[in-house]
Amino acid sequence: MNITKSSNPIVAFLNHISPLSSKTIIDFESIIEYKTYSKGKELLAFNKHATHMYFVAKGLARVYYKRAGKEVSDYFAIDGQFVGAVPSVFNGLPSKKAIHLLEDSQVYFFSIEDFEKCCAKHHDLETAARKVAYYGLVEEQERIESMRFNSVAQRYEELERKYPGITNRCPLKYIATYLGTSQVSISRIRGGNQ
């Protein structure tokens, strides 16, 4: 297999996970789009069917849902991370989650339909996607265990490791709902009064 590098960050990311052939890279790059968006842009609104996956090359996005009338942060994507409403992608139903940008962001994205066609044609891309999906499953399991067994202070430390710099870039209210705590509790952790 002739391995080629790509300047496209999505391709480079997947190529790092599992090597892609030159032909795969060419075909995959042809379905990827790029846009810069302003802070506050919704990449996906509630009750809309997710048709794309996004990669935040630079910037910050939040996936959230509403519970009892309040917004709850599900996860973030920051500088070089994927974001998407995965359940809606797989079940074909309108999304119960929304995605919005918390900063001006540089975003690469592709249609799930086009990606599926590309994977059917290129099994090395399908392998890379499967490995990313496994990584996502492990990450979600670790998050569930963290919510069950770790203190808020420990979860805060994990947040900083998973999303470097986020605590200086994201409103505290969004971080608090992600960690399942209050803004007051986060302020105490930041102040060293755990």
N, C-alpha and C. Protein backbone atom coordinates (compact mmCIF):
# COMPACT_ATOMS: atom_id res chain seq x y z
N MET A 1 0.85 -1.18 0.00
CA MET A 1 0.00 0.00 0.00
C MET A 1 0.89 1.24 0.00
N ASN A 2 0.59 2.16 -0.89
CA ASN A 2 1.34 3.40 -0.98
C ASN A 2 0.72 4.43 -0.05
N ILE A 3 1.39 4.72 1.07
CA ILE A 3 0.86 5.65 2.07
C ILE A 3 1.27 7.07 1.73
N THR A 4 0.31 7.97 1.71
CA THR A 4 0.54 9.36 1.38
C THR A 4 0.08 10.23 2.54
N LYS A 5 0.77 11.35 2.74
CA LYS A 5 0.34 12.30 3.75
C LYS A 5 -0.66 13.27 3.13
N SER A 6 -1.47 13.88 4.00
CA SER A 6 -2.46 14.84 3.53
C SER A 6 -2.42 16.06 4.43
N SER A 7 -2.66 17.23 3.84
CA SER A 7 -2.73 18.45 4.63
C SER A 7 -4.13 18.65 5.22
N ASN A 8 -5.10 17.85 4.76
CA ASN A 8 -6.45 17.93 5.30
C ASN A 8 -6.45 17.30 6.69
N PRO A 9 -6.85 18.03 7.73
CA PRO A 9 -6.73 17.50 9.09
C PRO A 9 -7.59 16.27 9.38
N ILE A 10 -8.74 16.13 8.73
CA ILE A 10 -9.55 14.91 8.94
C ILE A 10 -8.81 13.70 8.37
N VAL A 11 -8.30 13.86 7.18
CA VAL A 11 -7.58 12.77 6.52
C VAL A 11 -6.33 12.43 7.32
N ALA A 12 -5.60 13.44 7.76
CA ALA A 12 -4.38 13.21 8.55
C ALA A 12 -4.72 12.47 9.85
N PHE A 13 -5.81 12.85 10.48
CA PHE A 13 -6.24 12.21 11.73
C PHE A 13 -6.53 10.72 11.50
N LEU A 14 -7.35 10.42 10.48
CA LEU A 14 -7.69 9.02 10.21
C LEU A 14 -6.49 8.23 9.71
N ASN A 15 -5.64 8.87 8.92
CA ASN A 15 -4.44 8.22 8.42
C ASN A 15 -3.50 7.85 9.56
N HIS A 16 -3.52 8.65 10.61
CA HIS A 16 -2.70 8.37 11.79
C HIS A 16 -3.28 7.17 12.57
N ILE A 17 -4.59 7.08 12.61
CA ILE A 17 -5.27 5.98 13.32
C ILE A 17 -5.02 4.65 12.60
N SER A 18 -5.15 4.69 11.27
CA SER A 18 -4.97 3.50 10.45
C SER A 18 -4.58 3.97 9.04
N PRO A 19 -3.44 3.51 8.52
CA PRO A 19 -2.94 4.02 7.23
C PRO A 19 -3.93 3.91 6.08
N LEU A 20 -3.99 4.98 5.29
CA LEU A 20 -4.87 5.05 4.13
C LEU A 20 -4.04 5.09 2.85
N SER A 21 -4.54 4.45 1.81
CA SER A 21 -3.83 4.45 0.53
C SER A 21 -3.98 5.82 -0.15
N SER A 22 -3.13 6.07 -1.12
CA SER A 22 -3.19 7.32 -1.88
C SER A 22 -4.54 7.50 -2.55
N LYS A 23 -5.06 6.42 -3.13
CA LYS A 23 -6.36 6.47 -3.82
C LYS A 23 -7.47 6.77 -2.83
N THR A 24 -7.42 6.16 -1.66
CA THR A 24 -8.42 6.43 -0.62
C THR A 24 -8.38 7.89 -0.21
N ILE A 25 -7.18 8.41 -0.01
CA ILE A 25 -7.03 9.80 0.40
C ILE A 25 -7.62 10.74 -0.65
N ILE A 26 -7.34 10.48 -1.91
CA ILE A 26 -7.88 11.33 -2.98
C ILE A 26 -9.41 11.31 -2.97
N ASP A 27 -10.00 10.13 -2.88
CA ASP A 27 -11.46 10.01 -2.89
C ASP A 27 -12.08 10.61 -1.63
N PHE A 28 -11.44 10.37 -0.49
CA PHE A 28 -11.97 10.90 0.76
C PHE A 28 -11.90 12.43 0.78
N GLU A 29 -10.76 12.98 0.35
CA GLU A 29 -10.63 14.44 0.30
C GLU A 29 -11.69 15.09 -0.59
N SER A 30 -12.13 14.36 -1.62
CA SER A 30 -13.10 14.94 -2.55
C SER A 30 -14.48 15.13 -1.92
N ILE A 31 -14.78 14.48 -0.80
CA ILE A 31 -16.10 14.63 -0.17
C ILE A 31 -16.07 15.57 1.05
N ILE A 32 -14.89 16.05 1.40
CA ILE A 32 -14.75 16.91 2.58
C ILE A 32 -14.88 18.37 2.19
N GLU A 33 -15.69 19.09 2.96
CA GLU A 33 -15.86 20.53 2.77
C GLU A 33 -15.25 21.28 3.95
N TYR A 34 -15.05 22.58 3.75
CA TYR A 34 -14.45 23.42 4.81
C TYR A 34 -15.17 24.76 4.85
N LYS A 35 -15.43 25.22 6.08
CA LYS A 35 -16.01 26.56 6.26
C LYS A 35 -15.51 27.13 7.58
N THR A 36 -15.46 28.45 7.62
CA THR A 36 -15.23 29.12 8.89
C THR A 36 -16.59 29.65 9.35
N TYR A 37 -16.88 29.44 10.61
CA TYR A 37 -18.16 29.86 11.18
C TYR A 37 -17.92 30.79 12.35
N SER A 38 -18.89 31.66 12.57
CA SER A 38 -18.82 32.58 13.70
C SER A 38 -19.34 31.92 14.97
N LYS A 39 -18.87 32.39 16.08
CA LYS A 39 -19.35 31.96 17.39
C LYS A 39 -20.87 32.06 17.42
N GLY A 40 -21.51 31.03 17.99
CA GLY A 40 -22.97 31.01 18.09
C GLY A 40 -23.65 30.23 16.97
N LYS A 41 -22.93 29.88 15.93
CA LYS A 41 -23.51 29.13 14.82
C LYS A 41 -23.96 27.75 15.29
N GLU A 42 -25.16 27.35 14.90
CA GLU A 42 -25.63 25.99 15.18
C GLU A 42 -25.30 25.10 14.00
N LEU A 43 -24.51 24.07 14.26
CA LEU A 43 -24.21 23.10 13.21
C LEU A 43 -25.36 22.12 13.05
N LEU A 44 -26.09 21.90 14.15
CA LEU A 44 -27.26 21.03 14.12
C LEU A 44 -28.26 21.54 15.15
N ALA A 45 -29.50 21.73 14.72
CA ALA A 45 -30.56 22.17 15.63
C ALA A 45 -31.30 20.96 16.20
N PHE A 46 -31.98 21.16 17.30
CA PHE A 46 -32.79 20.10 17.89
C PHE A 46 -33.82 19.61 16.88
N ASN A 47 -34.09 18.32 16.93
CA ASN A 47 -35.12 17.67 16.11
C ASN A 47 -34.85 17.70 14.61
N LYS A 48 -33.59 17.92 14.25
CA LYS A 48 -33.18 17.82 12.85
C LYS A 48 -32.39 16.53 12.68
N HIS A 49 -32.50 15.93 11.51
CA HIS A 49 -31.77 14.69 11.23
C HIS A 49 -30.30 15.02 10.93
N ALA A 50 -29.40 14.36 11.62
CA ALA A 50 -27.97 14.58 11.40
C ALA A 50 -27.55 13.92 10.10
N THR A 51 -26.98 14.70 9.22
CA THR A 51 -26.54 14.18 7.92
C THR A 51 -25.04 14.34 7.70
N HIS A 52 -24.36 15.03 8.63
CA HIS A 52 -22.93 15.31 8.47
C HIS A 52 -22.17 15.03 9.76
N MET A 53 -20.90 14.76 9.61
CA MET A 53 -19.96 14.72 10.73
C MET A 53 -19.04 15.92 10.55
N TYR A 54 -18.62 16.48 11.68
CA TYR A 54 -17.82 17.69 11.68
C TYR A 54 -16.50 17.45 12.40
N PHE A 55 -15.50 18.19 11.98
CA PHE A 55 -14.18 18.15 12.60
C PHE A 55 -13.78 19.59 12.87
N VAL A 56 -13.66 19.94 14.13
CA VAL A 56 -13.29 21.30 14.50
C VAL A 56 -11.77 21.40 14.46
N ALA A 57 -11.26 21.94 13.36
CA ALA A 57 -9.81 22.07 13.21
C ALA A 57 -9.26 23.08 14.21
N LYS A 58 -9.98 24.18 14.35
CA LYS A 58 -9.61 25.21 15.33
C LYS A 58 -10.91 25.84 15.81
N GLY A 59 -11.08 25.87 17.12
CA GLY A 59 -12.29 26.44 17.69
C GLY A 59 -12.86 25.53 18.76
N LEU A 60 -14.12 25.76 19.08
CA LEU A 60 -14.76 25.03 20.18
C LEU A 60 -16.25 24.85 19.89
N ALA A 61 -16.70 23.61 19.98
CA ALA A 61 -18.11 23.28 19.78
C ALA A 61 -18.64 22.53 20.99
N ARG A 62 -19.94 22.61 21.18
CA ARG A 62 -20.60 21.90 22.28
C ARG A 62 -21.80 21.14 21.75
N VAL A 63 -21.93 19.89 22.18
CA VAL A 63 -23.13 19.10 21.92
C VAL A 63 -23.92 19.13 23.22
N TYR A 64 -25.22 19.44 23.11
CA TYR A 64 -26.02 19.53 24.32
C TYR A 64 -27.45 19.07 24.07
N TYR A 65 -28.14 18.78 25.14
CA TYR A 65 -29.55 18.42 25.09
C TYR A 65 -30.28 19.21 26.16
N LYS A 66 -31.59 19.11 26.16
CA LYS A 66 -32.38 19.81 27.18
C LYS A 66 -33.04 18.78 28.09
N ARG A 67 -32.97 19.08 29.38
CA ARG A 67 -33.60 18.23 30.38
C ARG A 67 -34.29 19.13 31.39
N ALA A 68 -35.57 18.91 31.57
CA ALA A 68 -36.37 19.74 32.49
C ALA A 68 -36.20 21.23 32.18
N GLY A 69 -36.15 21.55 30.90
CA GLY A 69 -36.05 22.94 30.46
C GLY A 69 -34.67 23.55 30.55
N LYS A 70 -33.67 22.77 30.98
CA LYS A 70 -32.31 23.30 31.10
C LYS A 70 -31.38 22.62 30.10
N GLU A 71 -30.40 23.38 29.63
CA GLU A 71 -29.39 22.84 28.72
C GLU A 71 -28.35 22.06 29.51
N VAL A 72 -28.00 20.88 28.99
CA VAL A 72 -26.99 20.04 29.61
C VAL A 72 -25.94 19.70 28.55
N SER A 73 -24.69 20.03 28.84
CA SER A 73 -23.60 19.74 27.89
C SER A 73 -23.31 18.25 27.88
N ASP A 74 -23.33 17.65 26.70
CA ASP A 74 -23.03 16.23 26.55
C ASP A 74 -21.54 16.01 26.32
N TYR A 75 -20.99 16.76 25.37
CA TYR A 75 -19.55 16.72 25.16
C TYR A 75 -19.12 17.91 24.32
N PHE A 76 -17.82 18.07 24.19
CA PHE A 76 -17.24 19.19 23.46
C PHE A 76 -16.33 18.68 22.35
N ALA A 77 -16.01 19.55 21.42
CA ALA A 77 -14.96 19.29 20.43
C ALA A 77 -14.11 20.55 20.39
N ILE A 78 -12.81 20.37 20.54
CA ILE A 78 -11.90 21.51 20.62
C ILE A 78 -10.64 21.21 19.81
N ASP A 79 -10.25 22.13 18.96
CA ASP A 79 -8.99 22.07 18.21
C ASP A 79 -8.55 20.66 17.82
N GLY A 80 -9.11 20.14 16.74
CA GLY A 80 -8.68 18.85 16.22
C GLY A 80 -9.51 17.67 16.70
N GLN A 81 -10.79 17.90 16.99
CA GLN A 81 -11.65 16.82 17.45
C GLN A 81 -12.94 16.78 16.62
N PHE A 82 -13.49 15.57 16.51
CA PHE A 82 -14.75 15.36 15.80
C PHE A 82 -15.93 15.74 16.67
N VAL A 83 -17.02 16.11 16.01
CA VAL A 83 -18.28 16.36 16.70
C VAL A 83 -19.42 15.99 15.75
N GLY A 84 -20.45 15.39 16.32
CA GLY A 84 -21.62 15.02 15.52
C GLY A 84 -22.68 14.41 16.40
N ALA A 85 -23.88 14.35 15.91
CA ALA A 85 -24.99 13.73 16.64
C ALA A 85 -25.05 12.27 16.23
N VAL A 86 -24.18 11.48 16.80
CA VAL A 86 -23.99 10.09 16.38
C VAL A 86 -25.28 9.26 16.45
N PRO A 87 -26.08 9.34 17.52
CA PRO A 87 -27.30 8.53 17.53
C PRO A 87 -28.20 8.81 16.32
N SER A 88 -28.36 10.07 15.96
CA SER A 88 -29.20 10.42 14.82
C SER A 88 -28.61 9.89 13.51
N VAL A 89 -27.29 9.90 13.42
CA VAL A 89 -26.62 9.37 12.22
C VAL A 89 -26.96 7.90 12.04
N PHE A 90 -26.92 7.14 13.14
CA PHE A 90 -27.12 5.70 13.04
C PHE A 90 -28.59 5.27 13.02
N ASN A 91 -29.45 5.95 13.78
CA ASN A 91 -30.84 5.48 13.83
C ASN A 91 -31.74 6.20 12.83
N GLY A 92 -31.23 7.25 12.20
CA GLY A 92 -32.00 7.94 11.18
C GLY A 92 -33.13 8.82 11.72
N LEU A 93 -33.19 8.97 13.04
CA LEU A 93 -34.24 9.76 13.66
C LEU A 93 -33.77 11.19 13.91
N PRO A 94 -34.70 12.12 14.08
CA PRO A 94 -34.30 13.49 14.43
C PRO A 94 -33.47 13.50 15.70
N SER A 95 -32.51 14.38 15.75
CA SER A 95 -31.59 14.44 16.88
C SER A 95 -32.23 15.05 18.12
N LYS A 96 -31.98 14.43 19.26
CA LYS A 96 -32.41 14.99 20.54
C LYS A 96 -31.34 15.94 21.09
N LYS A 97 -30.26 16.08 20.34
CA LYS A 97 -29.15 16.94 20.74
C LYS A 97 -28.93 18.01 19.67
N ALA A 98 -28.33 19.10 20.11
CA ALA A 98 -27.96 20.18 19.19
C ALA A 98 -26.46 20.40 19.30
N ILE A 99 -25.89 20.99 18.26
CA ILE A 99 -24.46 21.30 18.23
C ILE A 99 -24.31 22.78 17.93
N HIS A 100 -23.61 23.49 18.79
CA HIS A 100 -23.35 24.89 18.47
C HIS A 100 -21.92 25.26 18.83
N LEU A 101 -21.45 26.29 18.15
CA LEU A 101 -20.07 26.74 18.29
C LEU A 101 -19.96 27.79 19.39
N LEU A 102 -18.99 27.60 20.26
CA LEU A 102 -18.76 28.53 21.36
C LEU A 102 -17.66 29.55 21.03
N GLU A 103 -17.02 29.36 19.89
CA GLU A 103 -15.98 30.28 19.40
C GLU A 103 -16.09 30.36 17.88
N ASP A 104 -15.50 31.39 17.30
CA ASP A 104 -15.30 31.39 15.86
C ASP A 104 -14.48 30.13 15.56
N SER A 105 -14.89 29.36 14.54
CA SER A 105 -14.27 28.05 14.34
C SER A 105 -14.01 27.74 12.88
N GLN A 106 -12.93 26.98 12.66
CA GLN A 106 -12.59 26.45 11.35
C GLN A 106 -13.06 25.00 11.34
N VAL A 107 -14.02 24.69 10.47
CA VAL A 107 -14.69 23.39 10.52
C VAL A 107 -14.61 22.67 9.17
N TYR A 108 -14.17 21.42 9.23
CA TYR A 108 -14.22 20.53 8.08
C TYR A 108 -15.40 19.59 8.32
N PHE A 109 -16.07 19.17 7.25
CA PHE A 109 -17.23 18.29 7.43
C PHE A 109 -17.47 17.48 6.17
N PHE A 110 -18.20 16.39 6.35
CA PHE A 110 -18.55 15.53 5.22
C PHE A 110 -19.91 14.91 5.45
N SER A 111 -20.57 14.61 4.36
CA SER A 111 -21.87 13.95 4.38
C SER A 111 -21.67 12.49 4.79
N ILE A 112 -22.52 12.02 5.69
CA ILE A 112 -22.46 10.62 6.12
C ILE A 112 -22.75 9.70 4.94
N GLU A 113 -23.68 10.09 4.10
CA GLU A 113 -24.02 9.28 2.92
C GLU A 113 -22.81 9.12 2.00
N ASP A 114 -22.11 10.23 1.74
CA ASP A 114 -20.91 10.17 0.90
C ASP A 114 -19.80 9.35 1.57
N PHE A 115 -19.70 9.50 2.89
CA PHE A 115 -18.68 8.77 3.63
C PHE A 115 -18.94 7.26 3.57
N GLU A 116 -20.18 6.86 3.70
CA GLU A 116 -20.54 5.44 3.61
C GLU A 116 -20.17 4.87 2.25
N LYS A 117 -20.43 5.63 1.20
CA LYS A 117 -20.07 5.19 -0.16
C LYS A 117 -18.56 5.06 -0.30
N CYS A 118 -17.85 6.02 0.27
CA CYS A 118 -16.39 6.00 0.21
C CYS A 118 -15.84 4.80 0.99
N CYS A 119 -16.43 4.51 2.14
CA CYS A 119 -16.00 3.35 2.94
C CYS A 119 -16.27 2.03 2.21
N ALA A 120 -17.40 1.96 1.51
CA ALA A 120 -17.74 0.75 0.76
C ALA A 120 -16.72 0.50 -0.36
N LYS A 121 -16.17 1.57 -0.88
CA LYS A 121 -15.19 1.49 -1.96
C LYS A 121 -13.77 1.26 -1.44
N HIS A 122 -13.49 1.78 -0.24
CA HIS A 122 -12.14 1.74 0.31
C HIS A 122 -12.17 1.14 1.72
N HIS A 123 -11.81 -0.11 1.83
CA HIS A 123 -11.88 -0.79 3.12
C HIS A 123 -10.86 -0.27 4.13
N ASP A 124 -9.79 0.35 3.67
CA ASP A 124 -8.85 0.94 4.62
C ASP A 124 -9.49 2.14 5.34
N LEU A 125 -10.35 2.87 4.64
CA LEU A 125 -11.09 3.97 5.27
C LEU A 125 -12.11 3.42 6.26
N GLU A 126 -12.77 2.35 5.87
CA GLU A 126 -13.73 1.70 6.75
C GLU A 126 -13.05 1.20 8.03
N THR A 127 -11.85 0.66 7.90
CA THR A 127 -11.08 0.20 9.06
C THR A 127 -10.74 1.37 9.98
N ALA A 128 -10.30 2.48 9.40
CA ALA A 128 -9.98 3.66 10.21
C ALA A 128 -11.22 4.16 10.94
N ALA A 129 -12.35 4.20 10.25
CA ALA A 129 -13.60 4.66 10.86
C ALA A 129 -14.02 3.73 12.00
N ARG A 130 -13.85 2.44 11.81
CA ARG A 130 -14.19 1.47 12.86
C ARG A 130 -13.32 1.69 14.09
N LYS A 131 -12.03 1.95 13.88
CA LYS A 131 -11.13 2.19 15.01
C LYS A 131 -11.51 3.47 15.76
N VAL A 132 -11.91 4.51 15.02
CA VAL A 132 -12.37 5.74 15.66
C VAL A 132 -13.64 5.47 16.47
N ALA A 133 -14.54 4.65 15.91
CA ALA A 133 -15.78 4.30 16.63
C ALA A 133 -15.46 3.55 17.91
N TYR A 134 -14.51 2.62 17.86
CA TYR A 134 -14.09 1.89 19.07
C TYR A 134 -13.55 2.87 20.11
N TYR A 135 -12.73 3.79 19.66
CA TYR A 135 -12.17 4.79 20.55
C TYR A 135 -13.30 5.59 21.22
N GLY A 136 -14.30 5.97 20.43
CA GLY A 136 -15.44 6.71 20.96
C GLY A 136 -16.21 5.91 22.00
N LEU A 137 -16.38 4.61 21.75
CA LEU A 137 -17.08 3.75 22.71
C LEU A 137 -16.31 3.65 24.03
N VAL A 138 -15.01 3.48 23.93
CA VAL A 138 -14.18 3.39 25.14
C VAL A 138 -14.24 4.71 25.91
N GLU A 139 -14.15 5.82 25.18
CA GLU A 139 -14.20 7.14 25.81
C GLU A 139 -15.53 7.35 26.54
N GLU A 140 -16.62 6.93 25.93
CA GLU A 140 -17.93 7.08 26.56
C GLU A 140 -18.05 6.21 27.80
N GLN A 141 -17.52 4.99 27.72
CA GLN A 141 -17.55 4.11 28.88
C GLN A 141 -16.73 4.71 30.03
N GLU A 142 -15.59 5.27 29.72
CA GLU A 142 -14.77 5.92 30.74
C GLU A 142 -15.50 7.10 31.36
N ARG A 143 -16.24 7.84 30.55
CA ARG A 143 -17.00 8.98 31.07
C ARG A 143 -18.10 8.51 32.02
N ILE A 144 -18.79 7.44 31.66
CA ILE A 144 -19.84 6.90 32.53
C ILE A 144 -19.24 6.47 33.87
N GLU A 145 -18.13 5.76 33.81
CA GLU A 145 -17.46 5.31 35.04
C GLU A 145 -16.98 6.51 35.87
N SER A 146 -16.49 7.53 35.21
CA SER A 146 -16.03 8.72 35.91
C SER A 146 -17.18 9.40 36.64
N MET A 147 -18.33 9.51 35.97
CA MET A 147 -19.49 10.13 36.61
C MET A 147 -19.95 9.32 37.83
N ARG A 148 -19.79 8.01 37.76
CA ARG A 148 -20.23 7.15 38.86
C ARG A 148 -19.26 7.12 40.03
N PHE A 149 -17.97 7.12 39.73
CA PHE A 149 -16.99 6.82 40.76
C PHE A 149 -16.06 7.96 41.16
N ASN A 150 -15.92 8.98 40.34
CA ASN A 150 -14.95 10.05 40.63
C ASN A 150 -15.61 11.27 41.25
N SER A 151 -14.84 11.99 42.03
CA SER A 151 -15.31 13.24 42.61
C SER A 151 -15.39 14.30 41.51
N VAL A 152 -16.07 15.39 41.80
CA VAL A 152 -16.16 16.50 40.85
C VAL A 152 -14.76 17.03 40.53
N ALA A 153 -13.90 17.11 41.54
CA ALA A 153 -12.53 17.60 41.31
C ALA A 153 -11.79 16.68 40.34
N GLN A 154 -11.96 15.38 40.50
CA GLN A 154 -11.31 14.42 39.59
C GLN A 154 -11.87 14.56 38.18
N ARG A 155 -13.18 14.74 38.07
CA ARG A 155 -13.81 14.89 36.75
C ARG A 155 -13.34 16.19 36.09
N TYR A 156 -13.12 17.22 36.89
CA TYR A 156 -12.62 18.49 36.37
C TYR A 156 -11.21 18.30 35.80
N GLU A 157 -10.36 17.57 36.51
CA GLU A 157 -9.01 17.29 36.02
C GLU A 157 -9.06 16.50 34.71
N GLU A 158 -9.96 15.53 34.64
CA GLU A 158 -10.12 14.74 33.41
C GLU A 158 -10.56 15.63 32.25
N LEU A 159 -11.47 16.56 32.53
CA LEU A 159 -11.94 17.49 31.51
C LEU A 159 -10.77 18.28 30.93
N GLU A 160 -9.89 18.76 31.80
CA GLU A 160 -8.75 19.54 31.33
C GLU A 160 -7.78 18.69 30.50
N ARG A 161 -7.66 17.40 30.83
CA ARG A 161 -6.79 16.51 30.04
C ARG A 161 -7.43 16.21 28.68
N LYS A 162 -8.72 15.95 28.68
CA LYS A 162 -9.41 15.57 27.44
C LYS A 162 -9.57 16.74 26.48
N TYR A 163 -9.81 17.92 27.04
CA TYR A 163 -10.03 19.13 26.23
C TYR A 163 -9.04 20.21 26.67
N PRO A 164 -7.78 20.11 26.26
CA PRO A 164 -6.76 21.06 26.72
C PRO A 164 -7.14 22.52 26.49
N GLY A 165 -7.09 23.30 27.56
CA GLY A 165 -7.38 24.73 27.47
C GLY A 165 -8.85 25.11 27.57
N ILE A 166 -9.72 24.13 27.64
CA ILE A 166 -11.16 24.43 27.61
C ILE A 166 -11.62 25.27 28.79
N THR A 167 -11.01 25.09 29.94
CA THR A 167 -11.47 25.80 31.13
C THR A 167 -11.24 27.31 31.03
N ASN A 168 -10.40 27.73 30.10
CA ASN A 168 -10.18 29.16 29.88
C ASN A 168 -10.95 29.68 28.68
N ARG A 169 -11.62 28.79 27.96
CA ARG A 169 -12.29 29.18 26.73
C ARG A 169 -13.80 28.97 26.75
N CYS A 170 -14.29 28.17 27.66
CA CYS A 170 -15.70 27.78 27.68
C CYS A 170 -16.41 28.40 28.88
N PRO A 171 -17.62 28.92 28.67
CA PRO A 171 -18.38 29.44 29.82
C PRO A 171 -18.53 28.38 30.91
N LEU A 172 -18.38 28.82 32.13
CA LEU A 172 -18.43 27.95 33.30
C LEU A 172 -19.73 27.16 33.39
N LYS A 173 -20.85 27.77 33.00
CA LYS A 173 -22.15 27.09 33.09
C LYS A 173 -22.18 25.84 32.22
N TYR A 174 -21.50 25.86 31.07
CA TYR A 174 -21.48 24.68 30.20
C TYR A 174 -20.59 23.59 30.78
N ILE A 175 -19.48 23.99 31.38
CA ILE A 175 -18.59 23.03 32.01
C ILE A 175 -19.29 22.37 33.20
N ALA A 176 -20.02 23.15 33.98
CA ALA A 176 -20.71 22.63 35.15
C ALA A 176 -21.73 21.56 34.77
N THR A 177 -22.51 21.81 33.71
CA THR A 177 -23.51 20.79 33.34
C THR A 177 -22.85 19.54 32.77
N TYR A 178 -21.72 19.72 32.10
CA TYR A 178 -20.98 18.56 31.59
C TYR A 178 -20.48 17.68 32.74
N LEU A 179 -20.02 18.33 33.80
CA LEU A 179 -19.48 17.59 34.95
C LEU A 179 -20.57 17.15 35.92
N GLY A 180 -21.80 17.58 35.70
CA GLY A 180 -22.89 17.19 36.58
C GLY A 180 -22.81 17.86 37.93
N THR A 181 -22.44 19.14 37.93
CA THR A 181 -22.30 19.87 39.19
C THR A 181 -22.75 21.31 38.98
N SER A 182 -22.50 22.15 39.97
CA SER A 182 -22.89 23.56 39.90
C SER A 182 -21.69 24.44 39.57
N GLN A 183 -21.99 25.66 39.14
CA GLN A 183 -20.93 26.63 38.88
C GLN A 183 -20.17 26.96 40.16
N VAL A 184 -20.89 26.99 41.28
CA VAL A 184 -20.25 27.27 42.57
C VAL A 184 -19.21 26.21 42.89
N SER A 185 -19.56 24.96 42.66
CA SER A 185 -18.62 23.86 42.91
C SER A 185 -17.37 23.98 42.05
N ILE A 186 -17.56 24.35 40.78
CA ILE A 186 -16.42 24.53 39.87
C ILE A 186 -15.55 25.68 40.36
N SER A 187 -16.17 26.77 40.79
CA SER A 187 -15.41 27.91 41.29
C SER A 187 -14.57 27.52 42.50
N ARG A 188 -15.12 26.69 43.37
CA ARG A 188 -14.37 26.22 44.52
C ARG A 188 -13.16 25.38 44.10
N ILE A 189 -13.38 24.50 43.12
CA ILE A 189 -12.27 23.67 42.62
C ILE A 189 -11.17 24.56 42.04
N ARG A 190 -11.57 25.53 41.25
CA ARG A 190 -10.60 26.46 40.65
C ARG A 190 -9.85 27.24 41.72
N GLY A 191 -10.55 27.55 42.81
CA GLY A 191 -9.94 28.31 43.89
C GLY A 191 -9.15 27.45 44.86
N GLY A 192 -9.13 26.12 44.60
CA GLY A 192 -8.39 25.21 45.47
C GLY A 192 -9.12 24.85 46.75
N ASN A 193 -10.42 25.14 46.80
CA ASN A 193 -11.24 24.82 47.98
C ASN A 193 -12.16 23.64 47.69
N GLN A 194 -11.58 22.50 47.47
CA GLN A 194 -12.36 21.33 47.08
C GLN A 194 -12.96 20.74 48.33
